[in-house]
Amino acid sequence: MGQLRSMLRGIAVTGDAGPAELLGQLDAAMAQLQLHTYATAALARFEQTPAELARGVTRMRWANAGHPPPLIIHPDGTVAELASWFGDLMLGVDPTVRRRDSVVTLDRDTTVLLYTDGLIERRGSILDDGMERLRSAAAELAHRPLEELCDELIDRLVDGTPEDDVALVAIRLHRQDRPRPDEAGPPTVPPTVPRDPAQ
């Protein structure tokens, strides 16, 4: 997985391809390099036009290669799972498969959770039950700072030593019409990245 992650990062910084195209390029590279392995992945990119900035919304463009779907925590605390959106074949199966992007529009203060199935799996239970536990805990913890949200989700959902790797990434779309909150961390970006119009 470390090798695939490094390959994906290298491919992603060389152009402006969307998530589906990037996953397709990674799949092709895996076949070319004869990496006989399978992997799941969810890849998201956050996009915003000046008009969307003025309206206070951001688009999330994402693609899914056999991975659990992103979970959206809306500012009012309601939770939406993007399971009804299509997910494509996992990586390593067929490098010629046509991958597709999905797009969802998100309001300010929305939180997006990306996670591995190790977070929702428990011995002797089905994944749907794990998804329900995640949705319920996410709704209850929606307004916590991100670090607390992640720590508490892992505490509640991971039972002892997990059978599979557990990874959780939380992205919060902080308001852009106010000063950057401390929780967002320092705005350190490479000099080649265009300036955020909200800064």
N, C-alpha and C. Protein backbone atom coordinates (compact mmCIF):
# COMPACT_ATOMS: atom_id res chain seq x y z
N MET A 1 0.83 -1.20 0.00
CA MET A 1 0.00 0.00 0.00
C MET A 1 0.87 1.25 0.00
N GLY A 2 1.99 1.21 0.71
CA GLY A 2 2.89 2.36 0.71
C GLY A 2 3.41 2.66 -0.68
N GLN A 3 3.74 1.60 -1.43
CA GLN A 3 4.23 1.78 -2.79
C GLN A 3 3.14 2.36 -3.68
N LEU A 4 1.92 1.86 -3.56
CA LEU A 4 0.82 2.38 -4.37
C LEU A 4 0.52 3.83 -4.02
N ARG A 5 0.55 4.16 -2.73
CA ARG A 5 0.31 5.54 -2.32
C ARG A 5 1.35 6.49 -2.91
N SER A 6 2.61 6.07 -2.87
CA SER A 6 3.67 6.91 -3.45
C SER A 6 3.50 7.06 -4.95
N MET A 7 3.13 5.99 -5.63
CA MET A 7 2.88 6.07 -7.08
C MET A 7 1.74 7.02 -7.38
N LEU A 8 0.66 6.93 -6.61
CA LEU A 8 -0.49 7.79 -6.84
C LEU A 8 -0.13 9.26 -6.63
N ARG A 9 0.62 9.55 -5.57
CA ARG A 9 1.04 10.93 -5.33
C ARG A 9 1.89 11.46 -6.47
N GLY A 10 2.80 10.63 -6.98
CA GLY A 10 3.63 11.05 -8.09
C GLY A 10 2.82 11.33 -9.34
N ILE A 11 1.84 10.48 -9.62
CA ILE A 11 0.98 10.68 -10.79
C ILE A 11 0.13 11.94 -10.61
N ALA A 12 -0.39 12.16 -9.41
CA ALA A 12 -1.33 13.26 -9.17
C ALA A 12 -0.70 14.63 -9.34
N VAL A 13 0.57 14.79 -8.98
CA VAL A 13 1.17 16.13 -9.03
C VAL A 13 1.65 16.50 -10.42
N THR A 14 1.55 15.59 -11.39
CA THR A 14 2.07 15.89 -12.72
C THR A 14 1.04 16.53 -13.65
N GLY A 15 -0.18 16.67 -13.21
CA GLY A 15 -1.19 17.25 -14.08
C GLY A 15 -2.43 17.65 -13.31
N ASP A 16 -3.54 17.80 -14.02
CA ASP A 16 -4.78 18.24 -13.40
C ASP A 16 -5.90 17.22 -13.61
N ALA A 17 -5.54 15.95 -13.63
CA ALA A 17 -6.53 14.90 -13.85
C ALA A 17 -7.46 14.80 -12.65
N GLY A 18 -8.71 14.42 -12.91
CA GLY A 18 -9.67 14.19 -11.84
C GLY A 18 -9.42 12.87 -11.15
N PRO A 19 -10.12 12.62 -10.05
CA PRO A 19 -9.91 11.39 -9.28
C PRO A 19 -10.07 10.10 -10.08
N ALA A 20 -11.10 10.00 -10.91
CA ALA A 20 -11.31 8.77 -11.67
C ALA A 20 -10.16 8.52 -12.64
N GLU A 21 -9.72 9.58 -13.32
CA GLU A 21 -8.61 9.44 -14.26
C GLU A 21 -7.32 9.06 -13.53
N LEU A 22 -7.10 9.64 -12.36
CA LEU A 22 -5.91 9.29 -11.58
C LEU A 22 -5.92 7.83 -11.16
N LEU A 23 -7.07 7.34 -10.71
CA LEU A 23 -7.14 5.93 -10.33
C LEU A 23 -6.92 5.03 -11.55
N GLY A 24 -7.41 5.45 -12.72
CA GLY A 24 -7.18 4.70 -13.94
C GLY A 24 -5.70 4.66 -14.31
N GLN A 25 -5.03 5.81 -14.14
CA GLN A 25 -3.60 5.86 -14.43
C GLN A 25 -2.82 4.98 -13.45
N LEU A 26 -3.23 4.99 -12.18
CA LEU A 26 -2.57 4.13 -11.19
C LEU A 26 -2.77 2.66 -11.55
N ASP A 27 -3.98 2.29 -11.94
CA ASP A 27 -4.27 0.91 -12.33
C ASP A 27 -3.39 0.50 -13.52
N ALA A 28 -3.25 1.39 -14.50
CA ALA A 28 -2.42 1.11 -15.67
C ALA A 28 -0.96 0.95 -15.27
N ALA A 29 -0.48 1.80 -14.36
CA ALA A 29 0.90 1.71 -13.90
C ALA A 29 1.14 0.40 -13.15
N MET A 30 0.16 -0.01 -12.35
CA MET A 30 0.29 -1.29 -11.63
C MET A 30 0.44 -2.45 -12.61
N ALA A 31 -0.35 -2.41 -13.70
CA ALA A 31 -0.26 -3.48 -14.70
C ALA A 31 1.08 -3.42 -15.43
N GLN A 32 1.52 -2.22 -15.81
CA GLN A 32 2.78 -2.07 -16.53
C GLN A 32 3.98 -2.54 -15.70
N LEU A 33 3.94 -2.24 -14.40
CA LEU A 33 5.04 -2.63 -13.51
C LEU A 33 4.88 -4.04 -12.96
N GLN A 34 3.80 -4.71 -13.38
CA GLN A 34 3.50 -6.08 -12.96
C GLN A 34 3.44 -6.22 -11.43
N LEU A 35 2.72 -5.27 -10.83
CA LEU A 35 2.47 -5.37 -9.39
C LEU A 35 1.24 -6.24 -9.20
N HIS A 36 1.44 -7.47 -8.90
CA HIS A 36 0.33 -8.43 -8.80
C HIS A 36 -0.31 -8.31 -7.43
N THR A 37 -1.12 -7.28 -7.28
CA THR A 37 -1.81 -7.04 -6.01
C THR A 37 -3.15 -6.40 -6.28
N TYR A 38 -4.00 -6.42 -5.29
CA TYR A 38 -5.31 -5.77 -5.37
C TYR A 38 -5.39 -4.74 -4.25
N ALA A 39 -6.12 -3.67 -4.50
CA ALA A 39 -6.28 -2.64 -3.48
C ALA A 39 -7.57 -1.88 -3.73
N THR A 40 -8.12 -1.37 -2.65
CA THR A 40 -9.26 -0.46 -2.77
C THR A 40 -8.76 0.96 -2.51
N ALA A 41 -9.50 1.92 -3.02
CA ALA A 41 -9.11 3.33 -2.82
C ALA A 41 -10.31 4.22 -3.01
N ALA A 42 -10.36 5.28 -2.24
CA ALA A 42 -11.31 6.38 -2.46
C ALA A 42 -10.46 7.63 -2.57
N LEU A 43 -10.68 8.41 -3.61
CA LEU A 43 -9.88 9.59 -3.88
C LEU A 43 -10.82 10.77 -4.10
N ALA A 44 -10.55 11.87 -3.40
CA ALA A 44 -11.43 13.05 -3.50
C ALA A 44 -10.62 14.30 -3.77
N ARG A 45 -11.23 15.22 -4.50
CA ARG A 45 -10.63 16.53 -4.75
C ARG A 45 -11.70 17.59 -4.48
N PHE A 46 -11.31 18.64 -3.78
CA PHE A 46 -12.25 19.70 -3.44
C PHE A 46 -12.02 20.87 -4.40
N GLU A 47 -13.11 21.33 -5.03
CA GLU A 47 -13.03 22.35 -6.08
C GLU A 47 -13.98 23.49 -5.74
N GLN A 48 -13.61 24.69 -6.22
CA GLN A 48 -14.46 25.84 -5.92
C GLN A 48 -14.21 26.95 -6.94
N THR A 49 -15.26 27.42 -7.57
CA THR A 49 -15.18 28.57 -8.46
C THR A 49 -15.40 29.84 -7.63
N PRO A 50 -15.06 31.02 -8.16
CA PRO A 50 -15.36 32.25 -7.43
C PRO A 50 -16.84 32.40 -7.07
N ALA A 51 -17.72 31.96 -7.97
CA ALA A 51 -19.16 32.04 -7.69
C ALA A 51 -19.54 31.12 -6.54
N GLU A 52 -18.94 29.93 -6.48
CA GLU A 52 -19.21 29.01 -5.38
C GLU A 52 -18.65 29.54 -4.07
N LEU A 53 -17.50 30.18 -4.13
CA LEU A 53 -16.95 30.82 -2.94
C LEU A 53 -17.92 31.86 -2.40
N ALA A 54 -18.48 32.67 -3.28
CA ALA A 54 -19.43 33.71 -2.85
C ALA A 54 -20.69 33.09 -2.25
N ARG A 55 -21.11 31.92 -2.76
CA ARG A 55 -22.30 31.24 -2.23
C ARG A 55 -21.99 30.42 -1.00
N GLY A 56 -20.72 30.20 -0.69
CA GLY A 56 -20.34 29.43 0.50
C GLY A 56 -20.46 27.94 0.32
N VAL A 57 -20.20 27.45 -0.91
CA VAL A 57 -20.26 26.01 -1.16
C VAL A 57 -18.96 25.56 -1.82
N THR A 58 -18.69 24.27 -1.71
CA THR A 58 -17.52 23.63 -2.31
C THR A 58 -17.96 22.33 -2.94
N ARG A 59 -17.41 22.01 -4.10
CA ARG A 59 -17.70 20.72 -4.73
C ARG A 59 -16.66 19.70 -4.33
N MET A 60 -17.10 18.50 -4.02
CA MET A 60 -16.18 17.38 -3.82
C MET A 60 -16.35 16.44 -5.01
N ARG A 61 -15.28 16.30 -5.78
CA ARG A 61 -15.25 15.36 -6.90
C ARG A 61 -14.49 14.14 -6.41
N TRP A 62 -15.09 12.98 -6.53
CA TRP A 62 -14.45 11.79 -5.97
C TRP A 62 -14.70 10.56 -6.83
N ALA A 63 -13.82 9.60 -6.65
CA ALA A 63 -13.95 8.32 -7.33
C ALA A 63 -13.66 7.22 -6.32
N ASN A 64 -14.28 6.07 -6.55
CA ASN A 64 -14.22 4.98 -5.58
C ASN A 64 -13.85 3.69 -6.29
N ALA A 65 -12.73 3.10 -5.90
CA ALA A 65 -12.31 1.81 -6.45
C ALA A 65 -12.52 0.74 -5.38
N GLY A 66 -13.77 0.31 -5.23
CA GLY A 66 -14.09 -0.78 -4.30
C GLY A 66 -13.93 -0.46 -2.84
N HIS A 67 -13.95 0.81 -2.47
CA HIS A 67 -13.68 1.25 -1.11
C HIS A 67 -14.99 1.64 -0.41
N PRO A 68 -15.03 1.64 0.92
CA PRO A 68 -16.23 2.16 1.59
C PRO A 68 -16.47 3.61 1.17
N PRO A 69 -17.73 4.00 1.01
CA PRO A 69 -18.03 5.35 0.51
C PRO A 69 -17.75 6.42 1.55
N PRO A 70 -17.42 7.64 1.10
CA PRO A 70 -17.26 8.74 2.06
C PRO A 70 -18.53 8.95 2.86
N LEU A 71 -18.36 9.48 4.06
CA LEU A 71 -19.49 9.83 4.92
C LEU A 71 -19.48 11.34 5.08
N ILE A 72 -20.63 11.96 4.89
CA ILE A 72 -20.75 13.42 4.96
C ILE A 72 -21.50 13.78 6.24
N ILE A 73 -20.89 14.65 7.05
CA ILE A 73 -21.58 15.18 8.23
C ILE A 73 -21.94 16.63 7.92
N HIS A 74 -23.23 16.90 7.76
CA HIS A 74 -23.69 18.24 7.42
C HIS A 74 -23.58 19.17 8.64
N PRO A 75 -23.56 20.49 8.40
CA PRO A 75 -23.43 21.43 9.52
C PRO A 75 -24.50 21.28 10.60
N ASP A 76 -25.70 20.79 10.23
CA ASP A 76 -26.76 20.62 11.23
C ASP A 76 -26.62 19.30 12.00
N GLY A 77 -25.57 18.52 11.71
CA GLY A 77 -25.33 17.27 12.42
C GLY A 77 -25.91 16.04 11.75
N THR A 78 -26.68 16.22 10.68
CA THR A 78 -27.20 15.06 9.97
C THR A 78 -26.07 14.41 9.16
N VAL A 79 -26.22 13.12 8.92
CA VAL A 79 -25.16 12.35 8.27
C VAL A 79 -25.69 11.75 6.97
N ALA A 80 -24.89 11.84 5.92
CA ALA A 80 -25.26 11.25 4.64
C ALA A 80 -24.13 10.35 4.17
N GLU A 81 -24.48 9.13 3.84
CA GLU A 81 -23.51 8.18 3.29
C GLU A 81 -23.69 8.19 1.78
N LEU A 82 -22.59 8.28 1.04
CA LEU A 82 -22.68 8.36 -0.40
C LEU A 82 -22.73 6.98 -1.05
N ALA A 83 -23.37 6.02 -0.37
CA ALA A 83 -23.41 4.64 -0.88
C ALA A 83 -24.24 4.53 -2.14
N SER A 84 -25.20 5.43 -2.34
CA SER A 84 -26.03 5.33 -3.53
C SER A 84 -25.27 5.79 -4.77
N TRP A 85 -24.12 6.42 -4.56
CA TRP A 85 -23.29 6.85 -5.68
C TRP A 85 -22.45 5.65 -6.11
N PHE A 86 -22.16 5.58 -7.40
CA PHE A 86 -21.50 4.38 -7.90
C PHE A 86 -20.06 4.24 -7.45
N GLY A 87 -19.66 2.99 -7.20
CA GLY A 87 -18.28 2.67 -6.90
C GLY A 87 -17.77 1.72 -7.96
N ASP A 88 -16.54 1.91 -8.38
CA ASP A 88 -15.98 1.10 -9.45
C ASP A 88 -15.18 -0.08 -8.91
N LEU A 89 -14.68 -0.86 -9.84
CA LEU A 89 -13.91 -2.05 -9.56
C LEU A 89 -12.64 -1.70 -8.77
N MET A 90 -12.23 -2.58 -7.86
CA MET A 90 -11.02 -2.33 -7.11
C MET A 90 -9.80 -2.33 -8.03
N LEU A 91 -8.72 -1.72 -7.57
CA LEU A 91 -7.48 -1.63 -8.34
C LEU A 91 -6.84 -3.01 -8.48
N GLY A 92 -6.22 -3.26 -9.63
CA GLY A 92 -5.49 -4.49 -9.84
C GLY A 92 -6.28 -5.59 -10.52
N VAL A 93 -7.56 -5.36 -10.77
CA VAL A 93 -8.40 -6.39 -11.39
C VAL A 93 -8.39 -6.26 -12.91
N ASP A 94 -8.70 -5.05 -13.41
CA ASP A 94 -8.78 -4.82 -14.86
C ASP A 94 -8.33 -3.39 -15.15
N PRO A 95 -7.10 -3.20 -15.64
CA PRO A 95 -6.60 -1.84 -15.87
C PRO A 95 -7.30 -1.11 -17.01
N THR A 96 -8.14 -1.80 -17.77
CA THR A 96 -8.84 -1.14 -18.87
C THR A 96 -10.24 -0.66 -18.47
N VAL A 97 -10.65 -0.95 -17.24
CA VAL A 97 -12.00 -0.56 -16.82
C VAL A 97 -12.15 0.97 -16.85
N ARG A 98 -13.32 1.43 -17.26
CA ARG A 98 -13.59 2.87 -17.31
C ARG A 98 -14.07 3.32 -15.94
N ARG A 99 -13.33 4.23 -15.33
CA ARG A 99 -13.67 4.74 -14.00
C ARG A 99 -14.42 6.06 -14.14
N ARG A 100 -15.26 6.36 -13.14
CA ARG A 100 -16.13 7.54 -13.21
C ARG A 100 -16.02 8.38 -11.95
N ASP A 101 -16.12 9.68 -12.15
CA ASP A 101 -16.17 10.61 -11.03
C ASP A 101 -17.61 10.79 -10.57
N SER A 102 -17.78 11.06 -9.29
CA SER A 102 -19.04 11.55 -8.73
C SER A 102 -18.77 12.94 -8.19
N VAL A 103 -19.79 13.77 -8.15
CA VAL A 103 -19.64 15.13 -7.64
C VAL A 103 -20.78 15.42 -6.68
N VAL A 104 -20.44 15.99 -5.52
CA VAL A 104 -21.44 16.41 -4.55
C VAL A 104 -21.08 17.82 -4.09
N THR A 105 -22.09 18.66 -3.90
CA THR A 105 -21.87 20.03 -3.45
C THR A 105 -22.07 20.09 -1.94
N LEU A 106 -21.11 20.71 -1.26
CA LEU A 106 -21.10 20.73 0.21
C LEU A 106 -21.13 22.16 0.72
N ASP A 107 -21.84 22.37 1.81
CA ASP A 107 -21.90 23.68 2.46
C ASP A 107 -20.70 23.89 3.37
N ARG A 108 -20.49 25.15 3.76
CA ARG A 108 -19.48 25.46 4.77
C ARG A 108 -19.78 24.67 6.04
N ASP A 109 -18.70 24.35 6.77
CA ASP A 109 -18.78 23.61 8.04
C ASP A 109 -19.18 22.15 7.88
N THR A 110 -19.24 21.66 6.65
CA THR A 110 -19.46 20.23 6.42
C THR A 110 -18.17 19.48 6.74
N THR A 111 -18.31 18.26 7.26
CA THR A 111 -17.17 17.39 7.52
C THR A 111 -17.30 16.15 6.64
N VAL A 112 -16.20 15.77 6.01
CA VAL A 112 -16.15 14.57 5.17
C VAL A 112 -15.25 13.55 5.85
N LEU A 113 -15.74 12.34 5.99
CA LEU A 113 -14.95 11.24 6.57
C LEU A 113 -14.60 10.23 5.48
N LEU A 114 -13.31 9.96 5.35
CA LEU A 114 -12.81 8.89 4.50
C LEU A 114 -12.16 7.87 5.43
N TYR A 115 -12.40 6.59 5.23
CA TYR A 115 -11.97 5.59 6.20
C TYR A 115 -11.79 4.25 5.52
N THR A 116 -11.06 3.37 6.17
CA THR A 116 -10.92 2.00 5.67
C THR A 116 -11.97 1.11 6.33
N ASP A 117 -12.19 -0.05 5.73
CA ASP A 117 -13.22 -0.94 6.29
C ASP A 117 -12.83 -1.49 7.65
N GLY A 118 -11.54 -1.39 8.02
CA GLY A 118 -11.13 -1.81 9.36
C GLY A 118 -11.83 -1.03 10.45
N LEU A 119 -12.28 0.20 10.13
CA LEU A 119 -12.97 1.02 11.13
C LEU A 119 -14.37 0.47 11.43
N ILE A 120 -15.00 -0.14 10.44
CA ILE A 120 -16.40 -0.55 10.62
C ILE A 120 -16.58 -2.06 10.74
N GLU A 121 -15.49 -2.82 10.60
CA GLU A 121 -15.59 -4.28 10.72
C GLU A 121 -15.44 -4.73 12.16
N ARG A 122 -16.23 -5.70 12.53
CA ARG A 122 -16.07 -6.39 13.81
C ARG A 122 -16.28 -7.87 13.58
N ARG A 123 -15.56 -8.66 14.32
CA ARG A 123 -15.69 -10.11 14.18
C ARG A 123 -17.14 -10.52 14.48
N GLY A 124 -17.69 -11.32 13.59
CA GLY A 124 -19.04 -11.85 13.80
C GLY A 124 -20.16 -10.90 13.44
N SER A 125 -19.85 -9.72 12.85
CA SER A 125 -20.92 -8.80 12.45
C SER A 125 -20.75 -8.43 10.98
N ILE A 126 -21.80 -7.89 10.39
CA ILE A 126 -21.75 -7.53 8.98
C ILE A 126 -21.41 -6.05 8.83
N LEU A 127 -20.91 -5.71 7.64
CA LEU A 127 -20.46 -4.33 7.40
C LEU A 127 -21.60 -3.32 7.55
N ASP A 128 -22.82 -3.71 7.18
CA ASP A 128 -23.95 -2.77 7.32
C ASP A 128 -24.13 -2.34 8.77
N ASP A 129 -23.93 -3.28 9.70
CA ASP A 129 -24.03 -2.93 11.13
C ASP A 129 -22.92 -1.96 11.52
N GLY A 130 -21.72 -2.19 11.00
CA GLY A 130 -20.61 -1.28 11.27
C GLY A 130 -20.86 0.09 10.70
N MET A 131 -21.45 0.16 9.50
CA MET A 131 -21.79 1.46 8.90
C MET A 131 -22.81 2.19 9.76
N GLU A 132 -23.77 1.46 10.29
CA GLU A 132 -24.79 2.09 11.13
C GLU A 132 -24.16 2.64 12.41
N ARG A 133 -23.23 1.88 13.00
CA ARG A 133 -22.53 2.39 14.20
C ARG A 133 -21.74 3.65 13.87
N LEU A 134 -21.08 3.67 12.71
CA LEU A 134 -20.33 4.85 12.29
C LEU A 134 -21.25 6.04 12.08
N ARG A 135 -22.36 5.85 11.38
CA ARG A 135 -23.32 6.95 11.15
C ARG A 135 -23.84 7.50 12.46
N SER A 136 -24.20 6.62 13.38
CA SER A 136 -24.76 7.04 14.66
C SER A 136 -23.73 7.83 15.48
N ALA A 137 -22.50 7.31 15.55
CA ALA A 137 -21.46 8.00 16.32
C ALA A 137 -21.10 9.32 15.67
N ALA A 138 -21.03 9.36 14.34
CA ALA A 138 -20.68 10.60 13.64
C ALA A 138 -21.73 11.68 13.89
N ALA A 139 -23.00 11.30 13.89
CA ALA A 139 -24.06 12.27 14.15
C ALA A 139 -23.96 12.82 15.57
N GLU A 140 -23.66 11.95 16.52
CA GLU A 140 -23.55 12.37 17.92
C GLU A 140 -22.34 13.29 18.14
N LEU A 141 -21.26 13.04 17.41
CA LEU A 141 -20.01 13.78 17.62
C LEU A 141 -19.79 14.89 16.60
N ALA A 142 -20.80 15.20 15.81
CA ALA A 142 -20.65 16.08 14.65
C ALA A 142 -19.98 17.41 14.96
N HIS A 143 -20.27 18.00 16.10
CA HIS A 143 -19.79 19.36 16.38
C HIS A 143 -18.49 19.39 17.18
N ARG A 144 -17.89 18.25 17.40
CA ARG A 144 -16.61 18.22 18.10
C ARG A 144 -15.49 18.73 17.19
N PRO A 145 -14.41 19.26 17.76
CA PRO A 145 -13.22 19.56 16.94
C PRO A 145 -12.75 18.29 16.24
N LEU A 146 -12.11 18.44 15.09
CA LEU A 146 -11.76 17.28 14.28
C LEU A 146 -10.92 16.24 15.03
N GLU A 147 -9.94 16.70 15.78
CA GLU A 147 -9.09 15.73 16.48
C GLU A 147 -9.90 14.91 17.47
N GLU A 148 -10.79 15.59 18.22
CA GLU A 148 -11.66 14.87 19.15
C GLU A 148 -12.61 13.93 18.41
N LEU A 149 -13.15 14.41 17.30
CA LEU A 149 -14.07 13.59 16.51
C LEU A 149 -13.39 12.29 16.08
N CYS A 150 -12.19 12.40 15.53
CA CYS A 150 -11.48 11.20 15.07
C CYS A 150 -11.14 10.27 16.22
N ASP A 151 -10.58 10.83 17.30
CA ASP A 151 -10.21 9.99 18.45
C ASP A 151 -11.42 9.26 19.01
N GLU A 152 -12.53 9.97 19.14
CA GLU A 152 -13.71 9.36 19.74
C GLU A 152 -14.32 8.31 18.81
N LEU A 153 -14.32 8.56 17.50
CA LEU A 153 -14.84 7.56 16.57
C LEU A 153 -14.03 6.27 16.66
N ILE A 154 -12.72 6.39 16.70
CA ILE A 154 -11.88 5.20 16.80
C ILE A 154 -12.10 4.49 18.12
N ASP A 155 -12.20 5.26 19.22
CA ASP A 155 -12.46 4.64 20.52
C ASP A 155 -13.77 3.85 20.53
N ARG A 156 -14.79 4.41 19.91
CA ARG A 156 -16.10 3.76 19.94
C ARG A 156 -16.22 2.58 18.98
N LEU A 157 -15.54 2.68 17.83
CA LEU A 157 -15.77 1.69 16.78
C LEU A 157 -14.75 0.56 16.74
N VAL A 158 -13.54 0.81 17.22
CA VAL A 158 -12.51 -0.23 17.15
C VAL A 158 -12.54 -1.01 18.45
N ASP A 159 -12.85 -2.27 18.33
CA ASP A 159 -13.01 -3.14 19.50
C ASP A 159 -11.72 -3.90 19.75
N GLY A 160 -10.91 -3.42 20.68
CA GLY A 160 -9.65 -4.09 20.99
C GLY A 160 -8.67 -3.93 19.85
N THR A 161 -8.04 -5.04 19.47
CA THR A 161 -7.09 -5.04 18.36
C THR A 161 -7.84 -5.38 17.08
N PRO A 162 -7.89 -4.46 16.11
CA PRO A 162 -8.66 -4.73 14.90
C PRO A 162 -8.01 -5.82 14.05
N GLU A 163 -8.84 -6.53 13.29
CA GLU A 163 -8.33 -7.58 12.41
C GLU A 163 -7.72 -6.99 11.15
N ASP A 164 -8.11 -5.76 10.81
CA ASP A 164 -7.64 -5.11 9.59
C ASP A 164 -7.12 -3.73 9.96
N ASP A 165 -6.30 -3.15 9.07
CA ASP A 165 -5.79 -1.80 9.32
C ASP A 165 -6.94 -0.81 9.44
N VAL A 166 -6.77 0.16 10.32
CA VAL A 166 -7.76 1.21 10.52
C VAL A 166 -7.14 2.54 10.14
N ALA A 167 -7.78 3.22 9.19
CA ALA A 167 -7.35 4.57 8.81
C ALA A 167 -8.59 5.45 8.73
N LEU A 168 -8.45 6.69 9.19
CA LEU A 168 -9.56 7.63 9.20
C LEU A 168 -9.01 9.01 8.86
N VAL A 169 -9.60 9.65 7.86
CA VAL A 169 -9.24 11.01 7.48
C VAL A 169 -10.51 11.85 7.57
N ALA A 170 -10.42 12.98 8.27
CA ALA A 170 -11.56 13.88 8.40
C ALA A 170 -11.18 15.24 7.80
N ILE A 171 -12.04 15.75 6.94
CA ILE A 171 -11.82 17.05 6.30
C ILE A 171 -13.01 17.93 6.65
N ARG A 172 -12.73 19.09 7.25
CA ARG A 172 -13.81 20.03 7.57
C ARG A 172 -13.67 21.27 6.70
N LEU A 173 -14.77 21.66 6.08
CA LEU A 173 -14.78 22.84 5.22
C LEU A 173 -15.09 24.07 6.07
N HIS A 174 -14.03 24.63 6.66
CA HIS A 174 -14.21 25.80 7.52
C HIS A 174 -14.76 26.98 6.73
N ARG A 175 -15.45 27.83 7.42
CA ARG A 175 -16.02 29.02 6.78
C ARG A 175 -14.91 29.87 6.19
N GLN A 176 -15.12 30.36 4.99
CA GLN A 176 -14.12 31.18 4.32
C GLN A 176 -14.44 32.67 4.42
N ASP A 177 -15.58 32.99 5.04
CA ASP A 177 -15.94 34.40 5.23
C ASP A 177 -15.54 34.89 6.62
N ARG A 178 -14.73 34.11 7.30
CA ARG A 178 -14.23 34.46 8.63
C ARG A 178 -12.74 34.14 8.69
N PRO A 179 -12.01 34.66 9.69
CA PRO A 179 -10.58 34.31 9.80
C PRO A 179 -10.41 32.80 9.94
N ARG A 180 -9.30 32.32 9.43
CA ARG A 180 -8.98 30.89 9.48
C ARG A 180 -8.87 30.43 10.94
N PRO A 181 -9.64 29.40 11.35
CA PRO A 181 -9.57 28.95 12.74
C PRO A 181 -8.27 28.22 13.04
N ASP A 182 -7.85 28.24 14.30
CA ASP A 182 -6.63 27.54 14.70
C ASP A 182 -6.69 26.06 14.36
N GLU A 183 -7.89 25.47 14.46
CA GLU A 183 -8.06 24.05 14.18
C GLU A 183 -7.62 23.69 12.77
N ALA A 184 -7.70 24.65 11.84
CA ALA A 184 -7.34 24.38 10.45
C ALA A 184 -5.83 24.24 10.26
N GLY A 185 -5.04 24.65 11.25
CA GLY A 185 -3.59 24.55 11.12
C GLY A 185 -3.04 25.68 10.26
N PRO A 186 -1.73 25.72 10.14
CA PRO A 186 -1.11 26.81 9.36
C PRO A 186 -1.37 26.64 7.87
N PRO A 187 -1.56 27.73 7.16
CA PRO A 187 -1.83 27.65 5.71
C PRO A 187 -0.54 27.48 4.92
N THR A 188 0.17 26.39 5.14
CA THR A 188 1.43 26.14 4.44
C THR A 188 1.16 25.27 3.21
N VAL A 189 1.33 25.85 2.05
CA VAL A 189 1.13 25.13 0.79
C VAL A 189 2.34 25.37 -0.10
N PRO A 190 2.63 24.44 -1.02
CA PRO A 190 3.74 24.65 -1.94
C PRO A 190 3.55 25.91 -2.76
N PRO A 191 4.63 26.57 -3.14
CA PRO A 191 4.51 27.82 -3.89
C PRO A 191 3.87 27.65 -5.26
N THR A 192 3.83 26.43 -5.79
CA THR A 192 3.22 26.20 -7.10
C THR A 192 1.70 26.08 -7.04
N VAL A 193 1.15 25.96 -5.84
CA VAL A 193 -0.31 25.84 -5.69
C VAL A 193 -0.93 27.23 -5.75
N PRO A 194 -1.97 27.43 -6.58
CA PRO A 194 -2.60 28.75 -6.67
C PRO A 194 -3.10 29.23 -5.31
N ARG A 195 -3.07 30.52 -5.12
CA ARG A 195 -3.51 31.12 -3.87
C ARG A 195 -5.01 30.91 -3.64
N ASP A 196 -5.39 30.61 -2.43
CA ASP A 196 -6.80 30.46 -2.07
C ASP A 196 -7.46 31.83 -2.18
N PRO A 197 -8.49 31.97 -3.00
CA PRO A 197 -9.12 33.29 -3.17
C PRO A 197 -9.77 33.81 -1.89
N ALA A 198 -10.03 32.91 -0.95
CA ALA A 198 -10.67 33.36 0.31
C ALA A 198 -9.66 33.92 1.30
N GLN A 199 -8.37 33.73 1.06
CA GLN A 199 -7.35 34.18 2.01
C GLN A 199 -6.95 35.62 1.76
